[in-house]
Amino acid sequence: AAVGLHPDRVLYAETRRETEVLPTMEEGLRHGG
């Protein structure tokens, strides 16, 4: 927030495992919006 990114704009995806971060990114990108 101090650098201009308000928390209300951020959707957090906590995967618990690092191996799931990149697949989650890809799914979010392909979903769009």
All heavy atoms as atom14 arrays in JSON, in Angstrom:
{
  "sequence": "AAVGLHPDRVLYAETRRETEVLPTMEEGLRHGG",
  "atom14_mask": [
    [1, 1, 1, 1, 1, 0, 0, 0, 0, 0, 0, 0, 0, 0],
    [1, 1, 1, 1, 1, 0, 0, 0, 0, 0, 0, 0, 0, 0],
    [1, 1, 1, 1, 1, 1, 1, 0, 0, 0, 0, 0, 0, 0],
    [1, 1, 1, 1, 0, 0, 0, 0, 0, 0, 0, 0, 0, 0],
    [1, 1, 1, 1, 1, 1, 1, 1, 0, 0, 0, 0, 0, 0],
    [1, 1, 1, 1, 1, 1, 1, 1, 1, 1, 0, 0, 0, 0],
    [1, 1, 1, 1, 1, 1, 1, 0, 0, 0, 0, 0, 0, 0],
    [1, 1, 1, 1, 1, 1, 1, 1, 0, 0, 0, 0, 0, 0],
    [1, 1, 1, 1, 1, 1, 1, 1, 1, 1, 1, 0, 0, 0],
    [1, 1, 1, 1, 1, 1, 1, 0, 0, 0, 0, 0, 0, 0],
    [1, 1, 1, 1, 1, 1, 1, 1, 0, 0, 0, 0, 0, 0],
    [1, 1, 1, 1, 1, 1, 1, 1, 1, 1, 1, 1, 0, 0],
    [1, 1, 1, 1, 1, 0, 0, 0, 0, 0, 0, 0, 0, 0],
    [1, 1, 1, 1, 1, 1, 1, 1, 1, 0, 0, 0, 0, 0],
    [1, 1, 1, 1, 1, 1, 1, 0, 0, 0, 0, 0, 0, 0],
    [1, 1, 1, 1, 1, 1, 1, 1, 1, 1, 1, 0, 0, 0],
    [1, 1, 1, 1, 1, 1, 1, 1, 1, 1, 1, 0, 0, 0],
    [1, 1, 1, 1, 1, 1, 1, 1, 1, 0, 0, 0, 0, 0],
    [1, 1, 1, 1, 1, 1, 1, 0, 0, 0, 0, 0, 0, 0],
    [1, 1, 1, 1, 1, 1, 1, 1, 1, 0, 0, 0, 0, 0],
    [1, 1, 1, 1, 1, 1, 1, 0, 0, 0, 0, 0, 0, 0],
    [1, 1, 1, 1, 1, 1, 1, 1, 0, 0, 0, 0, 0, 0],
    [1, 1, 1, 1, 1, 1, 1, 0, 0, 0, 0, 0, 0, 0],
    [1, 1, 1, 1, 1, 1, 1, 0, 0, 0, 0, 0, 0, 0],
    [1, 1, 1, 1, 1, 1, 1, 1, 0, 0, 0, 0, 0, 0],
    [1, 1, 1, 1, 1, 1, 1, 1, 1, 0, 0, 0, 0, 0],
    [1, 1, 1, 1, 1, 1, 1, 1, 1, 0, 0, 0, 0, 0],
    [1, 1, 1, 1, 0, 0, 0, 0, 0, 0, 0, 0, 0, 0],
    [1, 1, 1, 1, 1, 1, 1, 1, 0, 0, 0, 0, 0, 0],
    [1, 1, 1, 1, 1, 1, 1, 1, 1, 1, 1, 0, 0, 0],
    [1, 1, 1, 1, 1, 1, 1, 1, 1, 1, 0, 0, 0, 0],
    [1, 1, 1, 1, 0, 0, 0, 0, 0, 0, 0, 0, 0, 0],
    [1, 1, 1, 1, 0, 0, 0, 0, 0, 0, 0, 0, 0, 0]
  ],
  "atom14_positions": [
    [[0.83, -1.21, 0.0], [0.0, 0.0, 0.0], [0.87, 1.25, 0.0], [0.51, 2.27, -0.61], [-0.93, -0.01, 1.2], [0.0, 0.0, 0.0], [0.0, 0.0, 0.0], [0.0, 0.0, 0.0], [0.0, 0.0, 0.0], [0.0, 0.0, 0.0], [0.0, 0.0, 0.0], [0.0, 0.0, 0.0], [0.0, 0.0, 0.0], [0.0, 0.0, 0.0]],
    [[2.02, 1.19, 0.66], [2.91, 2.35, 0.73], [3.5, 2.7, -0.62], [3.93, 3.85, -0.83], [4.03, 2.09, 1.73], [0.0, 0.0, 0.0], [0.0, 0.0, 0.0], [0.0, 0.0, 0.0], [0.0, 0.0, 0.0], [0.0, 0.0, 0.0], [0.0, 0.0, 0.0], [0.0, 0.0, 0.0], [0.0, 0.0, 0.0], [0.0, 0.0, 0.0]],
    [[3.55, 1.74, -1.55], [4.05, 2.03, -2.9], [2.92, 2.12, -3.91], [3.14, 2.03, -5.12], [5.11, 0.99, -3.35], [6.33, 1.05, -2.47], [4.53, -0.42, -3.38], [0.0, 0.0, 0.0], [0.0, 0.0, 0.0], [0.0, 0.0, 0.0], [0.0, 0.0, 0.0], [0.0, 0.0, 0.0], [0.0, 0.0, 0.0], [0.0, 0.0, 0.0]],
    [[1.68, 2.28, -3.43], [0.57, 2.58, -4.31], [-0.35, 1.43, -4.66], [-1.35, 1.64, -5.34], [0.0, 0.0, 0.0], [0.0, 0.0, 0.0], [0.0, 0.0, 0.0], [0.0, 0.0, 0.0], [0.0, 0.0, 0.0], [0.0, 0.0, 0.0], [0.0, 0.0, 0.0], [0.0, 0.0, 0.0], [0.0, 0.0, 0.0], [0.0, 0.0, 0.0]],
    [[-0.04, 0.2, -4.23], [-0.89, -0.95, -4.56], [-1.82, -1.22, -3.37], [-1.42, -1.83, -2.38], [-0.05, -2.19, -4.88], [-0.84, -3.44, -5.28], [-1.69, -3.19, -6.51], [0.1, -4.62, -5.51], [0.0, 0.0, 0.0], [0.0, 0.0, 0.0], [0.0, 0.0, 0.0], [0.0, 0.0, 0.0], [0.0, 0.0, 0.0], [0.0, 0.0, 0.0]],
    [[-3.06, -0.77, -3.47], [-4.01, -0.9, -2.37], [-4.37, -2.37, -2.17], [-4.58, -3.11, -3.14], [-5.27, -0.09, -2.66], [-6.12, 0.13, -1.45], [-6.97, -0.83, -0.94], [-6.21, 1.2, -0.61], [-7.58, -0.36, 0.13], [-7.14, 0.86, 0.36], [0.0, 0.0, 0.0], [0.0, 0.0, 0.0], [0.0, 0.0, 0.0], [0.0, 0.0, 0.0]],
    [[-4.45, -2.83, -0.91], [-4.77, -4.25, -0.64], [-6.1, -4.7, -1.24], [-6.26, -5.89, -1.54], [-4.81, -4.31, 0.9], [-3.95, -3.19, 1.35], [-4.11, -2.1, 0.32], [0.0, 0.0, 0.0], [0.0, 0.0, 0.0], [0.0, 0.0, 0.0], [0.0, 0.0, 0.0], [0.0, 0.0, 0.0], [0.0, 0.0, 0.0], [0.0, 0.0, 0.0]],
    [[-7.05, -3.79, -1.41], [-8.34, -4.18, -1.99], [-8.21, -4.66, -3.44], [-9.12, -5.32, -3.95], [-9.33, -3.0, -1.94], [-9.79, -2.7, -0.52], [-9.52, -3.54, 0.37], [-10.42, -1.65, -0.31], [0.0, 0.0, 0.0], [0.0, 0.0, 0.0], [0.0, 0.0, 0.0], [0.0, 0.0, 0.0], [0.0, 0.0, 0.0], [0.0, 0.0, 0.0]],
    [[-7.12, -4.31, -4.09], [-6.93, -4.72, -5.49], [-6.28, -6.1, -5.61], [-6.22, -6.65, -6.71], [-6.06, -3.7, -6.22], [-6.7, -2.34, -6.43], [-5.77, -1.47, -7.27], [-5.38, -2.16, -8.49], [-4.25, -1.9, -9.16], [-3.42, -0.99, -8.72], [-3.96, -2.57, -10.25], [0.0, 0.0, 0.0], [0.0, 0.0, 0.0], [0.0, 0.0, 0.0]],
    [[-5.76, -6.62, -4.5], [-4.95, -7.84, -4.55], [-5.76, -9.06, -4.15], [-6.38, -9.1, -3.08], [-3.71, -7.71, -3.65], [-2.83, -8.95, -3.78], [-2.91, -6.46, -4.0], [0.0, 0.0, 0.0], [0.0, 0.0, 0.0], [0.0, 0.0, 0.0], [0.0, 0.0, 0.0], [0.0, 0.0, 0.0], [0.0, 0.0, 0.0], [0.0, 0.0, 0.0]],
    [[-5.74, -10.08, -5.02], [-6.31, -11.39, -4.71], [-5.14, -12.31, -4.36], [-4.22, -12.49, -5.16], [-7.07, -11.95, -5.91], [-8.16, -11.04, -6.5], [-8.68, -11.64, -7.81], [-9.29, -10.85, -5.51], [0.0, 0.0, 0.0], [0.0, 0.0, 0.0], [0.0, 0.0, 0.0], [0.0, 0.0, 0.0], [0.0, 0.0, 0.0], [0.0, 0.0, 0.0]],
    [[-5.17, -12.89, -3.17], [-4.05, -13.7, -2.71], [-4.34, -15.18, -2.96], [-5.41, -15.69, -2.6], [-3.81, -13.48, -1.21], [-3.51, -12.05, -0.86], [-4.53, -11.21, -0.41], [-2.23, -11.53, -0.98], [-4.27, -9.89, -0.08], [-1.97, -10.21, -0.66], [-2.99, -9.39, -0.22], [-2.74, -8.08, 0.1], [0.0, 0.0, 0.0], [0.0, 0.0, 0.0]],
    [[-3.38, -15.85, -3.55], [-3.46, -17.3, -3.75], [-2.29, -17.94, -3.01], [-1.16, -17.93, -3.49], [-3.41, -17.66, -5.24], [0.0, 0.0, 0.0], [0.0, 0.0, 0.0], [0.0, 0.0, 0.0], [0.0, 0.0, 0.0], [0.0, 0.0, 0.0], [0.0, 0.0, 0.0], [0.0, 0.0, 0.0], [0.0, 0.0, 0.0], [0.0, 0.0, 0.0]],
    [[-2.56, -18.45, -1.81], [-1.52, -19.08, -0.99], [-1.58, -20.58, -1.23], [-2.49, -21.27, -0.78], [-1.75, -18.73, 0.48], [-1.63, -17.24, 0.76], [-2.12, -16.85, 2.13], [-2.52, -17.77, 2.89], [-2.12, -15.66, 2.45], [0.0, 0.0, 0.0], [0.0, 0.0, 0.0], [0.0, 0.0, 0.0], [0.0, 0.0, 0.0], [0.0, 0.0, 0.0]],
    [[-0.6, -21.08, -1.94], [-0.66, -22.46, -2.42], [-0.13, -23.49, -1.42], [-0.32, -24.68, -1.61], [0.18, -22.6, -3.71], [1.55, -22.36, -3.41], [-0.3, -21.61, -4.77], [0.0, 0.0, 0.0], [0.0, 0.0, 0.0], [0.0, 0.0, 0.0], [0.0, 0.0, 0.0], [0.0, 0.0, 0.0], [0.0, 0.0, 0.0], [0.0, 0.0, 0.0]],
    [[0.56, -23.02, -0.37], [1.19, -23.9, 0.62], [2.43, -24.59, 0.08], [3.38, -24.85, 0.8], [0.21, -24.97, 1.14], [-1.08, -24.41, 1.69], [-0.88, -23.77, 3.03], [-2.14, -23.31, 3.6], [-2.23, -22.67, 4.74], [-1.14, -22.41, 5.43], [-3.39, -22.25, 5.18], [0.0, 0.0, 0.0], [0.0, 0.0, 0.0], [0.0, 0.0, 0.0]],
    [[2.44, -24.94, -1.19], [3.61, -25.58, -1.79], [4.1, -24.75, -2.96], [3.31, -24.3, -3.79], [3.26, -26.98, -2.3], [2.95, -27.97, -1.2], [2.79, -29.34, -1.8], [1.59, -29.98, -1.29], [1.07, -31.09, -1.79], [1.64, -31.66, -2.82], [-0.01, -31.62, -1.27], [0.0, 0.0, 0.0], [0.0, 0.0, 0.0], [0.0, 0.0, 0.0]],
    [[5.43, -24.62, -3.05], [5.99, -23.82, -4.13], [5.72, -24.45, -5.49], [5.57, -23.75, -6.49], [7.49, -23.64, -3.92], [8.11, -22.71, -4.95], [9.52, -22.3, -4.6], [9.73, -21.74, -3.51], [10.42, -22.56, -5.42], [0.0, 0.0, 0.0], [0.0, 0.0, 0.0], [0.0, 0.0, 0.0], [0.0, 0.0, 0.0], [0.0, 0.0, 0.0]],
    [[5.64, -25.77, -5.55], [5.41, -26.44, -6.83], [4.05, -26.09, -7.44], [3.83, -26.32, -8.63], [5.51, -27.96, -6.66], [4.62, -28.38, -5.63], [6.92, -28.39, -6.32], [0.0, 0.0, 0.0], [0.0, 0.0, 0.0], [0.0, 0.0, 0.0], [0.0, 0.0, 0.0], [0.0, 0.0, 0.0], [0.0, 0.0, 0.0], [0.0, 0.0, 0.0]],
    [[3.16, -25.54, -6.63], [1.82, -25.21, -7.14], [1.69, -23.74, -7.55], [0.64, -23.33, -8.05], [0.77, -25.54, -6.08], [0.71, -27.04, -5.75], [-0.28, -27.34, -4.65], [-0.92, -26.39, -4.15], [-0.41, -28.51, -4.28], [0.0, 0.0, 0.0], [0.0, 0.0, 0.0], [0.0, 0.0, 0.0], [0.0, 0.0, 0.0], [0.0, 0.0, 0.0]],
    [[2.75, -22.96, -7.3], [2.66, -21.52, -7.61], [2.54, -21.28, -9.11], [1.66, -20.54, -9.57], [3.87, -20.77, -7.03], [3.9, -19.33, -7.56], [3.82, -20.76, -5.52], [0.0, 0.0, 0.0], [0.0, 0.0, 0.0], [0.0, 0.0, 0.0], [0.0, 0.0, 0.0], [0.0, 0.0, 0.0], [0.0, 0.0, 0.0], [0.0, 0.0, 0.0]],
    [[3.41, -21.89, -9.9], [3.4, -21.64, -11.34], [2.13, -22.14, -12.01], [1.56, -21.43, -12.86], [4.65, -22.25, -12.0], [5.99, -21.67, -11.51], [7.16, -22.34, -12.23], [6.04, -20.16, -11.71], [0.0, 0.0, 0.0], [0.0, 0.0, 0.0], [0.0, 0.0, 0.0], [0.0, 0.0, 0.0], [0.0, 0.0, 0.0], [0.0, 0.0, 0.0]],
    [[1.62, -23.36, -11.69], [0.33, -23.76, -12.26], [-0.81, -22.81, -11.88], [-1.71, -22.57, -12.69], [0.12, -25.16, -11.67], [1.48, -25.68, -11.4], [2.26, -24.47, -10.96], [0.0, 0.0, 0.0], [0.0, 0.0, 0.0], [0.0, 0.0, 0.0], [0.0, 0.0, 0.0], [0.0, 0.0, 0.0], [0.0, 0.0, 0.0], [0.0, 0.0, 0.0]],
    [[-0.77, -22.28, -10.65], [-1.8, -21.34, -10.24], [-1.7, -20.04, -11.04], [-2.71, -19.46, -11.45], [-1.67, -21.04, -8.73], [-1.76, -22.26, -8.0], [-2.79, -20.1, -8.27], [0.0, 0.0, 0.0], [0.0, 0.0, 0.0], [0.0, 0.0, 0.0], [0.0, 0.0, 0.0], [0.0, 0.0, 0.0], [0.0, 0.0, 0.0], [0.0, 0.0, 0.0]],
    [[-0.47, -19.6, -11.27], [-0.27, -18.43, -12.12], [-0.85, -18.65, -13.51], [-1.56, -17.79, -14.05], [1.22, -18.12, -12.26], [1.88, -17.44, -11.1], [3.59, -16.95, -11.54], [3.27, -15.66, -12.76], [0.0, 0.0, 0.0], [0.0, 0.0, 0.0], [0.0, 0.0, 0.0], [0.0, 0.0, 0.0], [0.0, 0.0, 0.0], [0.0, 0.0, 0.0]],
    [[-0.54, -19.8, -14.09], [-1.01, -20.08, -15.45], [-2.53, -20.1, -15.51], [-3.14, -19.56, -16.44], [-0.43, -21.41, -15.93], [-0.8, -21.72, -17.37], [-0.23, -23.04, -17.85], [0.65, -23.61, -17.16], [-0.66, -23.51, -18.92], [0.0, 0.0, 0.0], [0.0, 0.0, 0.0], [0.0, 0.0, 0.0], [0.0, 0.0, 0.0], [0.0, 0.0, 0.0]],
    [[-3.14, -20.72, -14.51], [-4.6, -20.77, -14.49], [-5.2, -19.37, -14.38], [-6.18, -19.04, -15.05], [-5.07, -21.63, -13.32], [-6.57, -21.83, -13.27], [-6.99, -22.77, -12.17], [-6.12, -23.47, -11.62], [-8.2, -22.82, -11.87], [0.0, 0.0, 0.0], [0.0, 0.0, 0.0], [0.0, 0.0, 0.0], [0.0, 0.0, 0.0], [0.0, 0.0, 0.0]],
    [[-4.58, -18.53, -13.53], [-5.06, -17.16, -13.4], [-4.91, -16.36, -14.68], [-5.79, -15.58, -15.05], [0.0, 0.0, 0.0], [0.0, 0.0, 0.0], [0.0, 0.0, 0.0], [0.0, 0.0, 0.0], [0.0, 0.0, 0.0], [0.0, 0.0, 0.0], [0.0, 0.0, 0.0], [0.0, 0.0, 0.0], [0.0, 0.0, 0.0], [0.0, 0.0, 0.0]],
    [[-3.79, -16.55, -15.37], [-3.58, -15.84, -16.64], [-4.58, -16.29, -17.7], [-5.13, -15.47, -18.44], [-2.15, -16.08, -17.13], [-1.04, -15.35, -16.37], [0.33, -15.92, -16.75], [-1.08, -13.85, -16.67], [0.0, 0.0, 0.0], [0.0, 0.0, 0.0], [0.0, 0.0, 0.0], [0.0, 0.0, 0.0], [0.0, 0.0, 0.0], [0.0, 0.0, 0.0]],
    [[-4.81, -17.58, -17.79], [-5.72, -18.09, -18.82], [-7.17, -17.72, -18.53], [-7.99, -17.6, -19.45], [-5.56, -19.6, -18.95], [-4.18, -20.01, -19.49], [-4.15, -21.44, -19.96], [-2.82, -21.81, -20.42], [-2.31, -21.5, -21.61], [-3.04, -20.79, -22.46], [-1.09, -21.88, -21.95], [0.0, 0.0, 0.0], [0.0, 0.0, 0.0], [0.0, 0.0, 0.0]],
    [[-7.49, -17.56, -17.27], [-8.86, -17.18, -16.92], [-9.17, -15.76, -17.37], [-10.29, -15.45, -17.78], [-9.05, -17.3, -15.4], [-10.44, -16.96, -14.95], [-10.82, -15.67, -14.64], [-11.53, -17.75, -14.77], [-12.1, -15.68, -14.29], [-12.55, -16.9, -14.34], [0.0, 0.0, 0.0], [0.0, 0.0, 0.0], [0.0, 0.0, 0.0], [0.0, 0.0, 0.0]],
    [[-8.18, -14.88, -17.32], [-8.37, -13.49, -17.73], [-9.08, -12.7, -16.63], [-9.38, -13.2, -15.55], [0.0, 0.0, 0.0], [0.0, 0.0, 0.0], [0.0, 0.0, 0.0], [0.0, 0.0, 0.0], [0.0, 0.0, 0.0], [0.0, 0.0, 0.0], [0.0, 0.0, 0.0], [0.0, 0.0, 0.0], [0.0, 0.0, 0.0], [0.0, 0.0, 0.0]],
    [[-9.37, -11.45, -16.93], [-10.09, -10.61, -15.99], [-9.21, -9.97, -14.93], [-9.73, -9.28, -14.04], [0.0, 0.0, 0.0], [0.0, 0.0, 0.0], [0.0, 0.0, 0.0], [0.0, 0.0, 0.0], [0.0, 0.0, 0.0], [0.0, 0.0, 0.0], [0.0, 0.0, 0.0], [0.0, 0.0, 0.0], [0.0, 0.0, 0.0], [0.0, 0.0, 0.0]]
  ]
}
